[in-house]
């Protein structure tokens, strides 16, 4: 029984450590393992990781699982207006 508990604790540490690496140091916000872990976490943990990714990578397309949060919404830009053509008498 003790071996099983140790194995479960070890797995939690490994998965949690990889998630922390993904949130704080990964070179790619679309890292498949990091995205897979992050998608399965509670909302508060996902939001935290997505916020860190947003701070680190700026205005990129949201990684899978992060598009649900408002801070990943694309920035609205005003449509370009054209000046009316000048008329000559």
PDB file of N, CA and C in Angstrom:
ATOM      1  N   UNK A   1       0.827  -1.197   0.000  1.00  0.00           N
ATOM      2  CA  UNK A   1       0.000   0.000   0.000  1.00  0.00           C
ATOM      3  C   UNK A   1       0.867   1.254   0.000  1.00  0.00           C
ATOM      4  N   UNK A   2       1.948   1.242   0.752  1.00  0.00           N
ATOM      5  CA  UNK A   2       2.834   2.408   0.819  1.00  0.00           C
ATOM      6  C   UNK A   2       3.489   2.697  -0.521  1.00  0.00           C
ATOM      7  N   UNK A   3       3.794   1.653  -1.294  1.00  0.00           N
ATOM      8  CA  UNK A   3       4.402   1.835  -2.602  1.00  0.00           C
ATOM      9  C   UNK A   3       3.450   2.521  -3.570  1.00  0.00           C
ATOM     10  N   UNK A   4       2.177   2.195  -3.480  1.00  0.00           N
ATOM     11  CA  UNK A   4       1.170   2.812  -4.336  1.00  0.00           C
ATOM     12  C   UNK A   4       1.019   4.294  -4.015  1.00  0.00           C
ATOM     13  N   UNK A   5       0.999   4.612  -2.736  1.00  0.00           N
ATOM     14  CA  UNK A   5       0.892   6.010  -2.318  1.00  0.00           C
ATOM     15  C   UNK A   5       2.101   6.796  -2.816  1.00  0.00           C
ATOM     16  N   UNK A   6       3.294   6.225  -2.694  1.00  0.00           N
ATOM     17  CA  UNK A   6       4.497   6.899  -3.175  1.00  0.00           C
ATOM     18  C   UNK A   6       4.452   7.111  -4.684  1.00  0.00           C
ATOM     19  N   UNK A   7       3.948   6.130  -5.411  1.00  0.00           N
ATOM     20  CA  UNK A   7       3.834   6.247  -6.859  1.00  0.00           C
ATOM     21  C   UNK A   7       2.867   7.360  -7.248  1.00  0.00           C
ATOM     22  N   UNK A   8       1.730   7.425  -6.564  1.00  0.00           N
ATOM     23  CA  UNK A   8       0.750   8.479  -6.843  1.00  0.00           C
ATOM     24  C   UNK A   8       1.330   9.853  -6.529  1.00  0.00           C
ATOM     25  N   UNK A   9       2.007   9.978  -5.411  1.00  0.00           N
ATOM     26  CA  UNK A   9       2.637  11.252  -5.046  1.00  0.00           C
ATOM     27  C   UNK A   9       3.697  11.640  -6.077  1.00  0.00           C
ATOM     28  N   UNK A  10       4.491  10.682  -6.510  1.00  0.00           N
ATOM     29  CA  UNK A  10       5.516  10.943  -7.525  1.00  0.00           C
ATOM     30  C   UNK A  10       4.890  11.404  -8.831  1.00  0.00           C
ATOM     31  N   UNK A  11       3.805  10.772  -9.250  1.00  0.00           N
ATOM     32  CA  UNK A  11       3.120  11.181 -10.474  1.00  0.00           C
ATOM     33  C   UNK A  11       2.555  12.598 -10.349  1.00  0.00           C
ATOM     34  N   UNK A  12       2.004  12.927  -9.191  1.00  0.00           N
ATOM     35  CA  UNK A  12       1.478  14.275  -8.973  1.00  0.00           C
ATOM     36  C   UNK A  12       2.608  15.300  -9.044  1.00  0.00           C
ATOM     37  N   UNK A  13       3.745  14.985  -8.475  1.00  0.00           N
ATOM     38  CA  UNK A  13       4.892  15.896  -8.509  1.00  0.00           C
ATOM     39  C   UNK A  13       5.395  16.069  -9.939  1.00  0.00           C
ATOM     40  N   UNK A  14       5.466  14.991 -10.697  1.00  0.00           N
ATOM     41  CA  UNK A  14       5.951  15.073 -12.075  1.00  0.00           C
ATOM     42  C   UNK A  14       4.989  15.894 -12.932  1.00  0.00           C
ATOM     43  N   UNK A  15       3.700  15.605 -12.851  1.00  0.00           N
ATOM     44  CA  UNK A  15       2.712  16.332 -13.650  1.00  0.00           C
ATOM     45  C   UNK A  15       2.670  17.805 -13.224  1.00  0.00           C
ATOM     46  N   UNK A  16       2.662  18.058 -11.923  1.00  0.00           N
ATOM     47  CA  UNK A  16       2.661  19.437 -11.427  1.00  0.00           C
ATOM     48  C   UNK A  16       3.921  20.188 -11.822  1.00  0.00           C
ATOM     49  N   UNK A  17       5.047  19.509 -11.792  1.00  0.00           N
ATOM     50  CA  UNK A  17       6.303  20.137 -12.192  1.00  0.00           C
ATOM     51  C   UNK A  17       6.319  20.486 -13.668  1.00  0.00           C
ATOM     52  N   UNK A  18       5.792  19.599 -14.497  1.00  0.00           N
ATOM     53  CA  UNK A  18       5.749  19.895 -15.930  1.00  0.00           C
ATOM     54  C   UNK A  18       4.784  21.034 -16.213  1.00  0.00           C
ATOM     55  N   UNK A  19       3.668  21.080 -15.491  1.00  0.00           N
ATOM     56  CA  UNK A  19       2.722  22.180 -15.660  1.00  0.00           C
ATOM     57  C   UNK A  19       3.371  23.514 -15.272  1.00  0.00           C
ATOM     58  N   UNK A  20       4.124  23.518 -14.182  1.00  0.00           N
ATOM     59  CA  UNK A  20       4.820  24.740 -13.766  1.00  0.00           C
ATOM     60  C   UNK A  20       5.861  25.148 -14.802  1.00  0.00           C
ATOM     61  N   UNK A  21       6.578  24.183 -15.345  1.00  0.00           N
ATOM     62  CA  UNK A  21       7.533  24.468 -16.414  1.00  0.00           C
ATOM     63  C   UNK A  21       6.806  25.086 -17.611  1.00  0.00           C
ATOM     64  N   UNK A  22       5.671  24.518 -17.980  1.00  0.00           N
ATOM     65  CA  UNK A  22       4.893  25.025 -19.110  1.00  0.00           C
ATOM     66  C   UNK A  22       4.457  26.470 -18.863  1.00  0.00           C
ATOM     67  N   UNK A  23       3.970  26.754 -17.678  1.00  0.00           N
ATOM     68  CA  UNK A  23       3.459  28.096 -17.378  1.00  0.00           C
ATOM     69  C   UNK A  23       4.572  29.131 -17.265  1.00  0.00           C
ATOM     70  N   UNK A  24       5.722  28.758 -16.713  1.00  0.00           N
ATOM     71  CA  UNK A  24       6.753  29.738 -16.406  1.00  0.00           C
ATOM     72  C   UNK A  24       7.955  29.738 -17.340  1.00  0.00           C
ATOM     73  N   UNK A  25       8.225  28.646 -18.074  1.00  0.00           N
ATOM     74  CA  UNK A  25       9.489  28.601 -18.805  1.00  0.00           C
ATOM     75  C   UNK A  25       9.433  27.983 -20.199  1.00  0.00           C
ATOM     76  N   UNK A  26       8.336  27.400 -20.595  1.00  0.00           N
ATOM     77  CA  UNK A  26       8.290  26.726 -21.895  1.00  0.00           C
ATOM     78  C   UNK A  26       8.540  27.719 -23.024  1.00  0.00           C
ATOM     79  N   UNK A  27       9.265  27.278 -24.030  1.00  0.00           N
ATOM     80  CA  UNK A  27       9.588  28.132 -25.173  1.00  0.00           C
ATOM     81  C   UNK A  27       8.423  28.212 -26.153  1.00  0.00           C
ATOM     82  N   UNK A  28       7.474  27.284 -26.055  1.00  0.00           N
ATOM     83  CA  UNK A  28       6.364  27.231 -26.991  1.00  0.00           C
ATOM     84  C   UNK A  28       5.059  27.179 -26.204  1.00  0.00           C
ATOM     85  N   UNK A  29       4.158  28.162 -26.375  1.00  0.00           N
ATOM     86  CA  UNK A  29       2.900  28.131 -25.629  1.00  0.00           C
ATOM     87  C   UNK A  29       1.965  27.018 -26.094  1.00  0.00           C
ATOM     88  N   UNK A  30       2.263  26.396 -27.214  1.00  0.00           N
ATOM     89  CA  UNK A  30       1.438  25.304 -27.730  1.00  0.00           C
ATOM     90  C   UNK A  30       2.079  23.943 -27.494  1.00  0.00           C
ATOM     91  N   UNK A  31       2.928  23.846 -26.483  1.00  0.00           N
ATOM     92  CA  UNK A  31       3.555  22.581 -26.109  1.00  0.00           C
ATOM     93  C   UNK A  31       2.459  21.557 -25.840  1.00  0.00           C
ATOM     94  N   UNK A  32       2.486  20.450 -26.565  1.00  0.00           N
ATOM     95  CA  UNK A  32       1.365  19.504 -26.504  1.00  0.00           C
ATOM     96  C   UNK A  32       1.138  18.932 -25.104  1.00  0.00           C
ATOM     97  N   UNK A  33       2.199  18.603 -24.396  1.00  0.00           N
ATOM     98  CA  UNK A  33       2.046  18.040 -23.053  1.00  0.00           C
ATOM     99  C   UNK A  33       1.535  19.099 -22.076  1.00  0.00           C
ATOM    100  N   UNK A  34       2.074  20.308 -22.160  1.00  0.00           N
ATOM    101  CA  UNK A  34       1.618  21.388 -21.287  1.00  0.00           C
ATOM    102  C   UNK A  34       0.164  21.739 -21.525  1.00  0.00           C
ATOM    103  N   UNK A  35      -0.239  21.795 -22.790  1.00  0.00           N
ATOM    104  CA  UNK A  35      -1.635  22.084 -23.127  1.00  0.00           C
ATOM    105  C   UNK A  35      -2.543  20.981 -22.603  1.00  0.00           C
ATOM    106  N   UNK A  36      -2.122  19.730 -22.766  1.00  0.00           N
ATOM    107  CA  UNK A  36      -2.933  18.602 -22.311  1.00  0.00           C
ATOM    108  C   UNK A  36      -3.142  18.646 -20.798  1.00  0.00           C
ATOM    109  N   UNK A  37      -2.100  18.965 -20.061  1.00  0.00           N
ATOM    110  CA  UNK A  37      -2.221  19.060 -18.598  1.00  0.00           C
ATOM    111  C   UNK A  37      -3.095  20.253 -18.230  1.00  0.00           C
ATOM    112  N   UNK A  38      -2.821  21.395 -18.843  1.00  0.00           N
ATOM    113  CA  UNK A  38      -3.531  22.627 -18.495  1.00  0.00           C
ATOM    114  C   UNK A  38      -5.026  22.518 -18.774  1.00  0.00           C
ATOM    115  N   UNK A  39      -5.417  21.845 -19.852  1.00  0.00           N
ATOM    116  CA  UNK A  39      -6.842  21.711 -20.192  1.00  0.00           C
ATOM    117  C   UNK A  39      -7.611  20.929 -19.147  1.00  0.00           C
ATOM    118  N   UNK A  40      -6.939  20.094 -18.385  1.00  0.00           N
ATOM    119  CA  UNK A  40      -7.631  19.231 -17.423  1.00  0.00           C
ATOM    120  C   UNK A  40      -7.612  19.771 -15.989  1.00  0.00           C
ATOM    121  N   UNK A  41      -7.024  20.920 -15.795  1.00  0.00           N
ATOM    122  CA  UNK A  41      -6.941  21.500 -14.452  1.00  0.00           C
ATOM    123  C   UNK A  41      -8.190  22.308 -14.125  1.00  0.00           C
ATOM    124  N   UNK A  42      -8.412  22.598 -12.852  1.00  0.00           N
ATOM    125  CA  UNK A  42      -9.538  23.468 -12.476  1.00  0.00           C
ATOM    126  C   UNK A  42      -9.377  24.857 -13.101  1.00  0.00           C
ATOM    127  N   UNK A  43     -10.470  25.568 -13.201  1.00  0.00           N
ATOM    128  CA  UNK A  43     -10.500  26.866 -13.879  1.00  0.00           C
ATOM    129  C   UNK A  43      -9.482  27.841 -13.300  1.00  0.00           C
ATOM    130  N   UNK A  44      -9.359  27.918 -11.995  1.00  0.00           N
ATOM    131  CA  UNK A  44      -8.430  28.876 -11.381  1.00  0.00           C
ATOM    132  C   UNK A  44      -6.988  28.586 -11.786  1.00  0.00           C
ATOM    133  N   UNK A  45      -6.596  27.332 -11.809  1.00  0.00           N
ATOM    134  CA  UNK A  45      -5.230  26.970 -12.200  1.00  0.00           C
ATOM    135  C   UNK A  45      -5.014  27.231 -13.689  1.00  0.00           C
ATOM    136  N   UNK A  46      -6.008  26.906 -14.515  1.00  0.00           N
ATOM    137  CA  UNK A  46      -5.897  27.178 -15.957  1.00  0.00           C
ATOM    138  C   UNK A  46      -5.773  28.665 -16.218  1.00  0.00           C
ATOM    139  N   UNK A  47      -6.575  29.454 -15.516  1.00  0.00           N
ATOM    140  CA  UNK A  47      -6.535  30.900 -15.705  1.00  0.00           C
ATOM    141  C   UNK A  47      -5.167  31.451 -15.308  1.00  0.00           C
ATOM    142  N   UNK A  48      -4.609  30.960 -14.221  1.00  0.00           N
ATOM    143  CA  UNK A  48      -3.295  31.400 -13.775  1.00  0.00           C
ATOM    144  C   UNK A  48      -2.239  31.093 -14.844  1.00  0.00           C
ATOM    145  N   UNK A  49      -2.236  29.855 -15.342  1.00  0.00           N
ATOM    146  CA  UNK A  49      -1.248  29.471 -16.351  1.00  0.00           C
ATOM    147  C   UNK A  49      -1.445  30.264 -17.636  1.00  0.00           C
ATOM    148  N   UNK A  50      -2.675  30.455 -18.036  1.00  0.00           N
ATOM    149  CA  UNK A  50      -2.939  31.211 -19.261  1.00  0.00           C
ATOM    150  C   UNK A  50      -2.525  32.666 -19.113  1.00  0.00           C
ATOM    151  N   UNK A  51      -2.721  33.234 -17.940  1.00  0.00           N
ATOM    152  CA  UNK A  51      -2.288  34.614 -17.696  1.00  0.00           C
ATOM    153  C   UNK A  51      -0.771  34.720 -17.797  1.00  0.00           C
ATOM    154  N   UNK A  52      -0.050  33.758 -17.223  1.00  0.00           N
ATOM    155  CA  UNK A  52       1.409  33.761 -17.312  1.00  0.00           C
ATOM    156  C   UNK A  52       1.869  33.617 -18.756  1.00  0.00           C
ATOM    157  N   UNK A  53       1.205  32.745 -19.510  1.00  0.00           N
ATOM    158  CA  UNK A  53       1.552  32.580 -20.920  1.00  0.00           C
ATOM    159  C   UNK A  53       1.289  33.869 -21.697  1.00  0.00           C
ATOM    160  N   UNK A  54       0.188  34.539 -21.401  1.00  0.00           N
ATOM    161  CA  UNK A  54      -0.142  35.807 -22.061  1.00  0.00           C
ATOM    162  C   UNK A  54       0.921  36.854 -21.754  1.00  0.00           C
ATOM    163  N   UNK A  55       1.376  36.922 -20.495  1.00  0.00           N
ATOM    164  CA  UNK A  55       2.422  37.876 -20.116  1.00  0.00           C
ATOM    165  C   UNK A  55       3.722  37.587 -20.853  1.00  0.00           C
ATOM    166  N   UNK A  56       4.041  36.300 -21.018  1.00  0.00           N
ATOM    167  CA  UNK A  56       5.315  35.924 -21.631  1.00  0.00           C
ATOM    168  C   UNK A  56       5.311  36.017 -23.147  1.00  0.00           C
ATOM    169  N   UNK A  57       4.193  35.699 -23.791  1.00  0.00           N
ATOM    170  CA  UNK A  57       4.174  35.615 -25.244  1.00  0.00           C
ATOM    171  C   UNK A  57       3.400  36.739 -25.922  1.00  0.00           C
ATOM    172  N   UNK A  58       2.688  37.553 -25.169  1.00  0.00           N
ATOM    173  CA  UNK A  58       2.017  38.711 -25.738  1.00  0.00           C
ATOM    174  C   UNK A  58       0.837  38.349 -26.622  1.00  0.00           C
ATOM    175  N   UNK A  59       0.666  39.117 -27.678  1.00  0.00           N
ATOM    176  CA  UNK A  59      -0.492  38.974 -28.555  1.00  0.00           C
ATOM    177  C   UNK A  59      -0.279  37.886 -29.597  1.00  0.00           C
ATOM    178  N   UNK A  60      -0.524  36.669 -29.176  1.00  0.00           N
ATOM    179  CA  UNK A  60      -0.478  35.522 -30.076  1.00  0.00           C
ATOM    180  C   UNK A  60      -1.837  34.853 -30.011  1.00  0.00           C
ATOM    181  N   UNK A  61      -2.066  33.893 -30.873  1.00  0.00           N
ATOM    182  CA  UNK A  61      -3.305  33.133 -30.789  1.00  0.00           C
ATOM    183  C   UNK A  61      -3.278  32.322 -29.492  1.00  0.00           C
ATOM    184  N   UNK A  62      -4.386  32.316 -28.805  1.00  0.00           N
ATOM    185  CA  UNK A  62      -4.466  31.633 -27.513  1.00  0.00           C
ATOM    186  C   UNK A  62      -4.216  30.139 -27.664  1.00  0.00           C
ATOM    187  N   UNK A  63      -3.380  29.577 -26.791  1.00  0.00           N
ATOM    188  CA  UNK A  63      -3.208  28.120 -26.804  1.00  0.00           C
ATOM    189  C   UNK A  63      -4.542  27.442 -26.479  1.00  0.00           C
ATOM    190  N   UNK A  64      -4.681  26.217 -26.890  1.00  0.00           N
ATOM    191  CA  UNK A  64      -5.916  25.481 -26.624  1.00  0.00           C
ATOM    192  C   UNK A  64      -6.189  25.460 -25.124  1.00  0.00           C
ATOM    193  N   UNK A  65      -7.396  25.807 -24.740  1.00  0.00           N
ATOM    194  CA  UNK A  65      -7.769  25.851 -23.331  1.00  0.00           C
ATOM    195  C   UNK A  65      -7.681  27.233 -22.724  1.00  0.00           C
ATOM    196  N   UNK A  66      -7.041  28.169 -23.427  1.00  0.00           N
ATOM    197  CA  UNK A  66      -6.903  29.529 -22.895  1.00  0.00           C
ATOM    198  C   UNK A  66      -7.846  30.524 -23.558  1.00  0.00           C
ATOM    199  N   UNK A  67      -8.452  30.165 -24.667  1.00  0.00           N
ATOM    200  CA  UNK A  67      -9.314  31.094 -25.398  1.00  0.00           C
ATOM    201  C   UNK A  67     -10.580  31.446 -24.623  1.00  0.00           C
ATOM    202  N   UNK A  68     -10.899  30.675 -23.595  1.00  0.00           N
ATOM    203  CA  UNK A  68     -12.109  30.926 -22.808  1.00  0.00           C
ATOM    204  C   UNK A  68     -11.998  32.170 -21.941  1.00  0.00           C
ATOM    205  N   UNK A  69     -10.804  32.630 -21.692  1.00  0.00           N
ATOM    206  CA  UNK A  69     -10.595  33.740 -20.770  1.00  0.00           C
ATOM    207  C   UNK A  69     -10.584  35.073 -21.511  1.00  0.00           C
ATOM    208  N   UNK A  70     -11.172  36.084 -20.887  1.00  0.00           N
ATOM    209  CA  UNK A  70     -11.365  37.387 -21.526  1.00  0.00           C
ATOM    210  C   UNK A  70     -10.046  38.054 -21.924  1.00  0.00           C
ATOM    211  N   UNK A  71      -8.982  37.839 -21.158  1.00  0.00           N
ATOM    212  CA  UNK A  71      -7.727  38.517 -21.481  1.00  0.00           C
ATOM    213  C   UNK A  71      -7.092  37.997 -22.759  1.00  0.00           C
ATOM    214  N   UNK A  72      -7.570  36.878 -23.326  1.00  0.00           N
ATOM    215  CA  UNK A  72      -7.083  36.390 -24.616  1.00  0.00           C
ATOM    216  C   UNK A  72      -7.935  36.896 -25.764  1.00  0.00           C
ATOM    217  N   UNK A  73      -9.008  37.633 -25.462  1.00  0.00           N
ATOM    218  CA  UNK A  73      -9.868  38.141 -26.538  1.00  0.00           C
ATOM    219  C   UNK A  73      -9.058  39.082 -27.414  1.00  0.00           C
ATOM    220  N   UNK A  74      -9.268  39.011 -28.707  1.00  0.00           N
ATOM    221  CA  UNK A  74      -8.521  39.908 -29.582  1.00  0.00           C
ATOM    222  C   UNK A  74      -8.881  41.361 -29.295  1.00  0.00           C
ATOM    223  N   UNK A  75      -7.906  42.213 -29.429  1.00  0.00           N
ATOM    224  CA  UNK A  75      -8.106  43.640 -29.199  1.00  0.00           C
ATOM    225  C   UNK A  75      -8.912  44.193 -30.365  1.00  0.00           C
ATOM    226  N   UNK A  76      -9.989  44.882 -30.035  1.00  0.00           N
ATOM    227  CA  UNK A  76     -10.826  45.457 -31.083  1.00  0.00           C
ATOM    228  C   UNK A  76     -10.121  46.657 -31.689  1.00  0.00           C
ATOM    229  N   UNK A  77     -10.115  46.708 -32.977  1.00  0.00           N
ATOM    230  CA  UNK A  77      -9.519  47.853 -33.660  1.00  0.00           C
ATOM    231  C   UNK A  77     -10.609  48.550 -34.448  1.00  0.00           C
ATOM    232  N   UNK A  78     -10.522  49.851 -34.488  1.00  0.00           N
ATOM    233  CA  UNK A  78     -11.503  50.634 -35.231  1.00  0.00           C
ATOM    234  C   UNK A  78     -11.253  50.444 -36.718  1.00  0.00           C
ATOM    235  N   UNK A  79     -12.309  50.341 -37.504  1.00  0.00           N
ATOM    236  CA  UNK A  79     -12.108  50.201 -38.943  1.00  0.00           C
ATOM    237  C   UNK A  79     -11.477  51.463 -39.509  1.00  0.00           C
ATOM    238  N   UNK A  80     -10.672  51.279 -40.505  1.00  0.00           N
ATOM    239  CA  UNK A  80     -10.006  52.423 -41.130  1.00  0.00           C
ATOM    240  C   UNK A  80     -11.049  53.273 -41.844  1.00  0.00           C
ATOM    241  N   UNK A  81     -10.975  54.538 -41.585  1.00  0.00           N
ATOM    242  CA  UNK A  81     -11.912  55.443 -42.239  1.00  0.00           C
ATOM    243  C   UNK A  81     -11.191  56.141 -43.382  1.00  0.00           C
ATOM    244  N   UNK A  82     -11.916  56.361 -44.425  1.00  0.00           N
ATOM    245  CA  UNK A  82     -11.329  57.076 -45.550  1.00  0.00           C
ATOM    246  C   UNK A  82     -11.932  58.456 -45.615  1.00  0.00           C
ATOM    247  N   UNK A  83     -11.112  59.401 -45.938  1.00  0.00           N
ATOM    248  CA  UNK A  83     -11.579  60.785 -46.066  1.00  0.00           C
ATOM    249  C   UNK A  83     -12.370  60.917 -47.350  1.00  0.00           C
ATOM    250  N   UNK A  84     -13.427  61.737 -47.318  1.00  0.00           N
ATOM    251  CA  UNK A  84     -14.180  61.915 -48.541  1.00  0.00           C
ATOM    252  C   UNK A  84     -13.321  62.576 -49.606  1.00  0.00           C
ATOM    253  N   UNK A  85     -13.577  62.230 -50.819  1.00  0.00           N
ATOM    254  CA  UNK A  85     -12.784  62.785 -51.924  1.00  0.00           C
ATOM    255  C   UNK A  85     -13.014  64.282 -52.016  1.00  0.00           C
ATOM    256  N   UNK A  86     -11.957  64.999 -52.252  1.00  0.00           N
ATOM    257  CA  UNK A  86     -12.061  66.456 -52.381  1.00  0.00           C
ATOM    258  C   UNK A  86     -12.670  66.779 -53.746  1.00  0.00           C
ATOM    259  N   UNK A  87     -13.592  67.698 -53.716  1.00  0.00           N
ATOM    260  CA  UNK A  87     -14.220  68.108 -54.978  1.00  0.00           C
ATOM    261  C   UNK A  87     -13.619  69.432 -55.429  1.00  0.00           C
ATOM    262  N   UNK A  88     -13.387  69.529 -56.694  1.00  0.00           N
ATOM    263  CA  UNK A  88     -12.830  70.787 -57.233  1.00  0.00           C
ATOM    264  C   UNK A  88     -13.890  71.462 -58.071  1.00  0.00           C
ATOM    265  N   UNK A  89     -14.064  72.766 -57.869  1.00  0.00           N
ATOM    266  CA  UNK A  89     -15.109  73.472 -58.622  1.00  0.00           C
ATOM    267  C   UNK A  89     -14.743  73.660 -60.070  1.00  0.00           C
TER     268      UNK A  89
END
